Amino acid sequence: MPGQRNYDSATRRWAGLGPYYAMFPTDFADRVVRKYTDVGDLVLDPFAGRGTSVFSAASQCRAAVGVEISPVGFIYAKTKLGPADHDAVVDRLRKIRRAAGARKFGDDARSLPLFFKCCFATQVRRFLLAARDRLDWRRSKVDRTTMAILLVYLHGKEGAALSNQMRQTKSMAPDYAIQWWRDNDKFPPDIDPVEFLTSRLQWRYARGIPDCEDSTVYLGNSVTILPRVAARIAQRKLPKAKLLFTSPPYYGITNYHYDQWLRLWLLGGPPHARLNGNGRKGTFEHREHYGDLLREVVLQAKSILHRDAIVYVRTDARCFTRHTTIDVLSSVFPRKTLVERRRPLFGATQTQLFGNFDEKDGEVDLILEPR
C-alpha cells in the first residue's frame, strides 16, 4: 500500500537512530502521519528533536521539513533521512584511526580532564579527539553519518559502547561518574574503536538504507529558520504543509545541554558539563519567555501551513505547560477546533528523563482541526 511503512525493510533499523527517549514513539508517529496526511503532502516539525516525525513522513512518501536547535538531534535526524554509503563510512573511520596515531592527539588525550581518562581507554580517547577535529558533520554526508554512529555508541551500558559503564540517554555528571566508577571497580574497555563501530555498522546497514521522500532538517532556531521555509513556499519550491506535528520542549525542562554534555563535547563543545548551553538558555525555566517562544514559533509556522492543515502537538500535561500551550494554539488558530487527549505513560518521556516526574503528570496531545 502506498505510504505504508514496510517493517521488514531498512526503515526500522534507521528509525531508532539515537538515544531513546520517546516524545514520539515510532509507531505513534506513523499513525498520525497516515491519519492526517496523504502521499505527497508536506509535514512540518519546528521542534524536530532526533527527527522521528520528519523521518516517519519521509519514509511514508510524504515530504517533511524539520528544525532542530540541538546539533546532536540534528545529526541523528539528518542522517536518518539520508545515510552515507556503508563503505565510505568505514573508510572514514579508518582514516580517523590513522590520524589518531599522530603525536598531537596523544598529547591532547593526556591533557583532558580526569573524567575522560576514567571513561575512555587511551586509544579510544585519541580516536575521539581525531574525530572531533576532523569530521565536518555540518557539510559532509559521510562525516555526518560517521559522527551519528559515534554519538550513538559514545557511551552506554557495559560492553555496548566505547565508554565505561554509563546510561546511554544521559551523560553522567563528571564528579559523580568518577566516584561511581571507583566505588564499583569499573574501568573503560580497552577496545579498537574502528573494529567496534564497524561491527555495529554491519547490523545498521544489513538491510540497506531507507527510501525517503525528498525532505530536510535545518540546524538552528525555528524563529529565524521558518521564514526561510516560508520563502521557499512563496517561490513555489514547496507546497504548504498539511500537518504541523511537533513536541516543544516542556517548561522547566532545561537539562538537555547538561545531560548531553559529553556528546556536545565531541561536536566541539567544552569538556565540562557545567559550561554547556545555547541561545535558548533559561527560556524554558522562565514562564513569560516560554510562552513568548511558543507563540513566536507557532506564528511563524502558521504562514507555512495550508488553511485546512491539522496541528498536532504533544506536550507536558502539567498545569502550566498545558495551559500555556493551549492558550497559544487557540489564539493563533482561532478558527480551528481543539481536541485534547490525555496520553498514558509508556516508556521514557521528557518529564521523566529531564525533570521531576509525578505519575499524575505525563503527556497530553492537542489536536486542532478545521471547523
Protein backbone atom coordinates (compact mmCIF):
# COMPACT_ATOMS: atom_id res chain seq x y z
CA MET A 1 0.00 0.00 0.00
CA PRO A 2 1.46 3.44 -0.91
CA GLY A 3 2.70 5.27 2.16
CA GLN A 4 2.57 2.20 4.40
CA ARG A 5 5.91 1.60 6.07
CA ASN A 6 7.43 -1.83 5.47
CA TYR A 7 8.89 -3.04 8.75
CA ASP A 8 10.88 -5.78 7.02
CA SER A 9 12.90 -3.09 5.18
CA ALA A 10 15.80 -0.91 6.26
CA THR A 11 13.43 1.62 7.76
CA ARG A 12 13.07 0.18 11.26
CA ARG A 13 16.84 -0.09 11.79
CA TRP A 14 17.33 3.59 10.99
CA ALA A 15 14.18 4.90 12.68
CA GLY A 16 15.64 4.36 16.14
CA LEU A 17 18.99 6.08 15.47
CA GLY A 18 19.99 7.95 18.62
CA PRO A 19 19.47 7.53 22.37
CA TYR A 20 15.91 6.51 23.20
CA TYR A 21 13.61 8.98 24.85
CA ALA A 22 10.29 8.97 23.15
CA MET A 23 8.11 12.04 22.83
CA PHE A 24 7.07 10.47 19.53
CA PRO A 25 7.41 6.68 19.58
CA THR A 26 7.89 5.46 16.01
CA ASP A 27 4.61 3.59 15.69
CA PHE A 28 2.68 6.56 17.07
CA ALA A 29 4.31 8.96 14.61
CA ASP A 30 3.48 6.61 11.73
CA ARG A 31 -0.20 6.51 12.72
CA VAL A 32 -0.51 10.30 13.00
CA VAL A 33 1.16 10.89 9.63
CA ARG A 34 -1.05 8.30 7.90
CA LYS A 35 -4.25 9.59 9.51
CA TYR A 36 -3.84 13.27 8.80
CA THR A 37 -1.91 13.40 5.50
CA ASP A 38 -1.90 11.88 2.04
CA VAL A 39 1.01 10.74 -0.09
CA GLY A 40 2.84 13.81 -1.40
CA ASP A 41 1.76 16.15 1.42
CA LEU A 42 4.24 18.23 3.43
CA VAL A 43 4.73 17.71 7.19
CA LEU A 44 6.35 20.39 9.38
CA ASP A 45 8.08 19.95 12.75
CA PRO A 46 9.67 23.12 14.21
CA PHE A 47 11.00 21.25 17.27
CA ALA A 48 12.28 18.18 15.45
CA GLY A 49 14.42 16.54 18.16
CA ARG A 50 16.02 13.46 16.61
CA GLY A 51 13.61 13.63 13.70
CA THR A 52 11.01 10.95 14.44
CA SER A 53 8.12 12.87 12.87
CA VAL A 54 10.20 14.01 9.88
CA PHE A 55 11.54 10.51 9.24
CA SER A 56 8.09 8.97 9.62
CA ALA A 57 6.69 11.32 6.99
CA ALA A 58 9.62 10.99 4.58
CA SER A 59 9.62 7.19 4.75
CA GLN A 60 5.88 7.11 4.03
CA CYS A 61 6.03 9.04 0.76
CA ARG A 62 5.40 12.47 2.30
CA ALA A 63 7.80 15.39 2.19
CA ALA A 64 8.95 16.82 5.51
CA VAL A 65 10.73 19.85 6.94
CA GLY A 66 12.15 19.90 10.44
CA VAL A 67 14.09 22.42 12.50
CA GLU A 68 16.26 21.44 15.46
CA ILE A 69 18.43 23.69 17.61
CA SER A 70 20.50 20.90 19.18
CA PRO A 71 23.35 19.68 16.94
CA VAL A 72 23.01 16.20 18.46
CA GLY A 73 19.37 15.90 17.40
CA PHE A 74 20.14 17.49 14.03
CA ILE A 75 22.84 14.91 13.25
CA TYR A 76 20.56 11.99 14.09
CA ALA A 77 17.61 13.41 12.14
CA LYS A 78 19.59 14.42 9.06
CA THR A 79 21.42 11.09 8.95
CA LYS A 80 18.21 9.07 9.12
CA LEU A 81 16.86 10.93 6.10
CA GLY A 82 19.95 10.16 4.02
CA PRO A 83 22.76 7.97 5.41
CA ALA A 84 26.05 7.87 3.54
CA ASP A 85 27.28 4.71 1.80
CA HIS A 86 28.45 2.00 4.21
CA ASP A 87 31.91 1.59 2.67
CA ALA A 88 32.50 5.35 2.73
CA VAL A 89 31.74 5.48 6.45
CA VAL A 90 34.05 2.55 7.21
CA ASP A 91 36.80 4.20 5.16
CA ARG A 92 36.32 7.44 7.12
CA LEU A 93 36.62 5.60 10.42
CA ARG A 94 39.88 4.03 9.30
CA LYS A 95 41.29 7.40 8.22
CA ILE A 96 40.45 8.84 11.62
CA ARG A 97 42.23 5.94 13.31
CA ARG A 98 45.34 6.66 11.27
CA ALA A 99 45.14 10.34 12.18
CA ALA A 100 44.68 9.43 15.84
CA GLY A 101 48.19 7.95 15.87
CA ALA A 102 49.69 11.43 15.47
CA ARG A 103 51.56 12.87 18.45
CA LYS A 104 49.16 15.82 18.64
CA PHE A 105 46.23 13.62 19.62
CA GLY A 106 48.36 11.67 22.09
CA ASP A 107 49.26 14.91 23.86
CA ASP A 108 45.67 16.11 23.77
CA ALA A 109 44.40 12.82 25.18
CA ARG A 110 46.72 13.18 28.18
CA SER A 111 45.61 16.77 28.80
CA LEU A 112 41.88 16.01 29.02
CA PRO A 113 40.18 16.22 32.46
CA LEU A 114 40.27 13.14 34.70
CA PHE A 115 36.73 12.16 33.68
CA PHE A 116 37.87 11.26 30.17
CA LYS A 117 40.70 9.05 31.44
CA CYS A 118 38.24 7.15 33.63
CA CYS A 119 35.62 6.97 30.88
CA PHE A 120 37.66 6.01 27.80
CA ALA A 121 40.77 3.91 27.22
CA THR A 122 43.80 5.71 25.74
CA GLN A 123 43.31 4.63 22.13
CA VAL A 124 39.62 5.49 22.31
CA ARG A 125 40.40 8.97 23.68
CA ARG A 126 42.85 9.59 20.84
CA PHE A 127 40.34 8.36 18.29
CA LEU A 128 37.59 10.61 19.67
CA LEU A 129 39.88 13.63 19.61
CA ALA A 130 40.79 12.95 15.98
CA ALA A 131 37.10 12.55 15.09
CA ARG A 132 36.25 15.76 16.92
CA ASP A 133 38.96 17.59 14.99
CA ARG A 134 38.35 16.17 11.51
CA LEU A 135 34.68 15.30 10.99
CA ASP A 136 32.89 18.08 9.09
CA TRP A 137 29.41 16.93 10.14
CA ARG A 138 27.70 20.18 9.13
CA ARG A 139 28.58 19.91 5.42
CA SER A 140 29.62 16.33 4.62
CA LYS A 141 27.10 13.48 4.46
CA VAL A 142 29.85 10.90 5.07
CA ASP A 143 31.22 12.80 8.05
CA ARG A 144 27.74 13.40 9.46
CA THR A 145 26.84 9.71 9.21
CA THR A 146 30.16 8.77 10.80
CA MET A 147 29.54 11.22 13.63
CA ALA A 148 25.99 9.93 14.12
CA ILE A 149 27.28 6.40 14.67
CA LEU A 150 29.94 7.72 17.05
CA LEU A 151 27.35 9.65 19.04
CA VAL A 152 25.13 6.57 19.38
CA TYR A 153 27.92 4.46 20.82
CA LEU A 154 29.87 7.17 22.64
CA HIS A 155 28.57 6.00 25.99
CA GLY A 156 26.25 3.28 27.21
CA LYS A 157 25.98 0.10 29.20
CA GLU A 158 28.98 -2.14 29.72
CA GLY A 159 30.07 -3.92 26.53
CA ALA A 160 27.71 -1.94 24.32
CA ALA A 161 29.60 1.34 23.95
CA LEU A 162 33.05 2.92 23.74
CA SER A 163 32.85 4.15 27.33
CA ASN A 164 32.97 2.91 30.86
CA GLN A 165 29.55 1.93 32.25
CA MET A 166 27.09 4.81 31.72
CA ARG A 167 23.44 5.13 30.74
CA GLN A 168 23.03 5.88 27.04
CA THR A 169 20.33 8.53 27.29
CA LYS A 170 22.20 10.92 29.62
CA SER A 171 25.85 11.70 30.29
CA MET A 172 26.59 11.43 33.98
CA ALA A 173 27.98 14.41 35.88
CA PRO A 174 31.78 14.04 35.77
CA ASP A 175 32.49 14.05 39.52
CA TYR A 176 29.65 11.63 40.22
CA ALA A 177 30.76 9.33 37.40
CA ILE A 178 34.37 9.18 38.61
CA GLN A 179 33.31 8.34 42.14
CA TRP A 180 30.79 5.72 41.00
CA TRP A 181 33.34 4.00 38.76
CA ARG A 182 35.86 3.91 41.59
CA ASP A 183 33.36 2.60 44.13
CA ASN A 184 32.26 -0.14 41.73
CA ASP A 185 35.69 -1.04 40.29
CA LYS A 186 34.66 -0.09 36.76
CA PHE A 187 37.28 0.53 34.08
CA PRO A 188 36.97 1.74 30.48
CA PRO A 189 37.01 -1.00 27.82
CA ASP A 190 40.34 -1.25 26.00
CA ILE A 191 38.94 -1.79 22.51
CA ASP A 192 39.75 -0.85 18.94
CA PRO A 193 37.08 1.79 18.19
CA VAL A 194 37.07 1.07 14.46
CA GLU A 195 36.51 -2.66 14.90
CA PHE A 196 33.81 -1.97 17.48
CA LEU A 197 31.97 0.58 15.32
CA THR A 198 32.35 -1.42 12.10
CA SER A 199 30.57 -4.39 13.66
CA ARG A 200 27.68 -2.09 14.64
CA LEU A 201 27.57 -0.64 11.15
CA GLN A 202 27.13 -4.12 9.69
CA TRP A 203 23.88 -4.50 11.61
CA ARG A 204 22.67 -0.98 10.81
CA TYR A 205 23.25 -1.39 7.06
CA ALA A 206 22.32 -5.07 6.79
CA ARG A 207 19.01 -4.28 5.04
CA GLY A 208 20.23 -1.23 3.17
CA ILE A 209 19.21 2.37 3.76
CA PRO A 210 15.73 3.92 3.92
CA ASP A 211 13.95 5.09 0.80
CA CYS A 212 12.85 8.57 1.88
CA GLU A 213 10.96 11.31 0.11
CA ASP A 214 12.99 14.47 -0.51
CA SER A 215 12.98 16.10 2.95
CA THR A 216 15.29 18.10 5.16
CA VAL A 217 16.15 19.15 8.70
CA TYR A 218 17.66 22.56 9.43
CA LEU A 219 20.06 23.21 12.30
CA GLY A 220 19.11 26.34 14.23
CA ASN A 221 16.32 28.33 15.84
CA SER A 222 12.85 27.99 14.32
CA VAL A 223 12.21 31.70 14.80
CA THR A 224 14.90 32.54 12.25
CA ILE A 225 14.68 29.46 10.01
CA LEU A 226 10.92 29.16 9.44
CA PRO A 227 10.82 32.43 7.44
CA ARG A 228 13.30 30.81 5.04
CA VAL A 229 10.92 27.87 4.64
CA ALA A 230 8.05 30.31 4.06
CA ALA A 231 10.11 31.98 1.34
CA ARG A 232 10.59 28.64 -0.43
CA ILE A 233 6.82 28.12 -0.33
CA ALA A 234 6.24 31.61 -1.74
CA GLN A 235 8.63 30.72 -4.57
CA ARG A 236 6.60 27.51 -5.15
CA LYS A 237 9.58 25.33 -4.32
CA LEU A 238 7.50 23.66 -1.59
CA PRO A 239 3.77 23.13 -1.09
CA LYS A 240 2.08 24.45 2.03
CA ALA A 241 2.20 21.96 4.91
CA LYS A 242 -0.87 19.83 5.61
CA LEU A 243 0.30 18.78 9.09
CA LEU A 244 2.17 20.58 11.87
CA PHE A 245 3.37 17.69 14.03
CA THR A 246 5.67 18.53 16.93
CA SER A 247 6.54 18.29 20.61
CA PRO A 248 8.04 21.51 22.01
CA PRO A 249 10.42 21.34 24.97
CA TYR A 250 8.47 21.39 28.23
CA TYR A 251 8.50 24.21 30.74
CA GLY A 252 11.14 23.70 33.44
CA ILE A 253 12.96 21.02 31.44
CA THR A 254 16.30 22.79 31.00
CA ASN A 255 18.80 19.95 31.18
CA TYR A 256 19.24 18.98 27.53
CA HIS A 257 22.67 20.54 27.27
CA TYR A 258 23.84 19.39 30.67
CA ASP A 259 22.58 15.85 30.09
CA GLN A 260 24.13 15.67 26.62
CA TRP A 261 27.36 17.48 27.52
CA LEU A 262 29.62 14.58 26.51
CA ARG A 263 28.11 14.29 23.03
CA LEU A 264 28.26 18.06 22.69
CA TRP A 265 31.95 17.93 23.61
CA LEU A 266 32.53 15.51 20.72
CA LEU A 267 30.87 18.06 18.42
CA GLY A 268 33.33 20.74 19.51
CA GLY A 269 31.96 21.88 22.88
CA PRO A 270 33.93 22.28 26.12
CA PRO A 271 34.97 19.25 28.22
CA HIS A 272 32.96 20.36 31.25
CA ALA A 273 29.26 19.69 31.81
CA ARG A 274 28.62 22.96 33.60
CA LEU A 275 29.76 25.09 30.65
CA ASN A 276 27.28 23.90 28.04
CA GLY A 277 24.26 25.82 26.81
CA ASN A 278 22.96 27.74 23.80
CA GLY A 279 20.91 30.74 22.80
CA ARG A 280 17.78 29.39 24.49
CA LYS A 281 19.47 29.03 27.88
CA GLY A 282 16.90 29.93 30.53
CA THR A 283 13.99 30.13 28.08
CA PHE A 284 12.28 27.01 29.35
CA GLU A 285 12.54 27.93 33.02
CA HIS A 286 11.10 31.45 32.69
CA ARG A 287 7.32 31.41 32.33
CA GLU A 288 6.95 34.56 30.26
CA HIS A 289 9.83 33.65 27.94
CA TYR A 290 8.43 30.15 27.50
CA GLY A 291 5.06 31.43 26.33
CA ASP A 292 6.64 34.05 24.09
CA LEU A 293 8.85 31.47 22.36
CA LEU A 294 5.94 29.10 21.70
CA ARG A 295 3.81 31.92 20.33
CA GLU A 296 6.58 33.20 18.05
CA VAL A 297 7.34 29.76 16.62
CA VAL A 298 3.67 28.86 16.13
CA LEU A 299 3.01 32.19 14.42
CA GLN A 300 5.93 31.60 12.06
CA ALA A 301 4.67 28.07 11.39
CA LYS A 302 1.18 29.30 10.59
CA SER A 303 2.44 31.07 7.46
CA ILE A 304 3.74 27.72 6.20
CA LEU A 305 0.52 25.78 6.80
CA HIS A 306 -2.33 25.13 4.40
CA ARG A 307 -5.55 26.73 5.64
CA ASP A 308 -7.04 23.26 6.25
CA ALA A 309 -3.92 21.89 7.93
CA ILE A 310 -4.04 19.80 11.07
CA VAL A 311 -1.99 20.95 14.07
CA TYR A 312 -0.89 18.06 16.31
CA VAL A 313 1.14 18.94 19.41
CA ARG A 314 2.27 16.55 22.11
CA THR A 315 3.16 18.37 25.29
CA ASP A 316 3.52 18.14 29.04
CA ALA A 317 0.28 17.55 30.97
CA ARG A 318 1.50 19.58 33.95
CA CYS A 319 -0.72 22.58 34.51
CA PHE A 320 1.45 25.50 33.35
CA THR A 321 2.86 23.89 30.21
CA ARG A 322 -0.52 22.50 29.17
CA HIS A 323 -2.45 25.73 29.73
CA THR A 324 0.22 27.88 28.08
CA THR A 325 0.30 25.64 25.01
CA ILE A 326 -3.50 25.59 24.75
CA ASP A 327 -3.65 29.40 25.07
CA VAL A 328 -1.02 29.87 22.35
CA LEU A 329 -2.60 27.40 19.92
CA SER A 330 -6.12 28.74 20.47
CA SER A 331 -5.06 32.36 19.93
CA VAL A 332 -3.00 31.63 16.80
CA PHE A 333 -5.64 29.28 15.28
CA PRO A 334 -8.99 30.74 16.44
CA ARG A 335 -10.88 29.13 13.56
CA LYS A 336 -9.82 25.59 14.40
CA THR A 337 -11.45 23.21 16.88
CA LEU A 338 -9.16 21.96 19.64
CA VAL A 339 -9.36 18.36 20.87
CA GLU A 340 -7.40 17.32 23.95
CA ARG A 341 -6.32 13.71 24.55
CA ARG A 342 -4.52 12.60 27.67
CA ARG A 343 -1.79 10.06 26.93
CA PRO A 344 -0.82 7.17 29.21
CA LEU A 345 2.86 6.89 30.06
CA PHE A 346 4.68 4.24 28.04
CA GLY A 347 8.47 4.35 28.25
CA ALA A 348 10.67 7.34 28.93
CA THR A 349 9.43 10.89 28.33
CA GLN A 350 10.89 14.38 28.60
CA THR A 351 9.30 14.78 32.03
CA GLN A 352 10.84 11.58 33.38
CA LEU A 353 14.31 11.94 31.88
CA PHE A 354 14.93 15.66 32.18
CA GLY A 355 12.79 16.87 35.07
CA ASN A 356 10.79 15.99 38.14
CA PHE A 357 8.32 13.22 37.40
CA ASP A 358 4.95 12.69 39.04
CA GLU A 359 2.67 9.91 37.84
CA LYS A 360 -0.26 12.34 37.66
CA ASP A 361 1.58 14.41 35.05
CA GLY A 362 2.65 12.67 31.84
CA GLU A 363 1.76 13.78 28.31
CA VAL A 364 -1.20 15.32 26.52
CA ASP A 365 -1.98 15.55 22.80
CA LEU A 366 -3.56 18.75 21.49
CA ILE A 367 -5.12 18.41 18.05
CA LEU A 368 -6.53 21.39 16.12
CA GLU A 369 -8.77 20.60 13.17
CA PRO A 370 -10.68 22.83 10.72
CA ARG A 371 -14.23 23.59 11.84
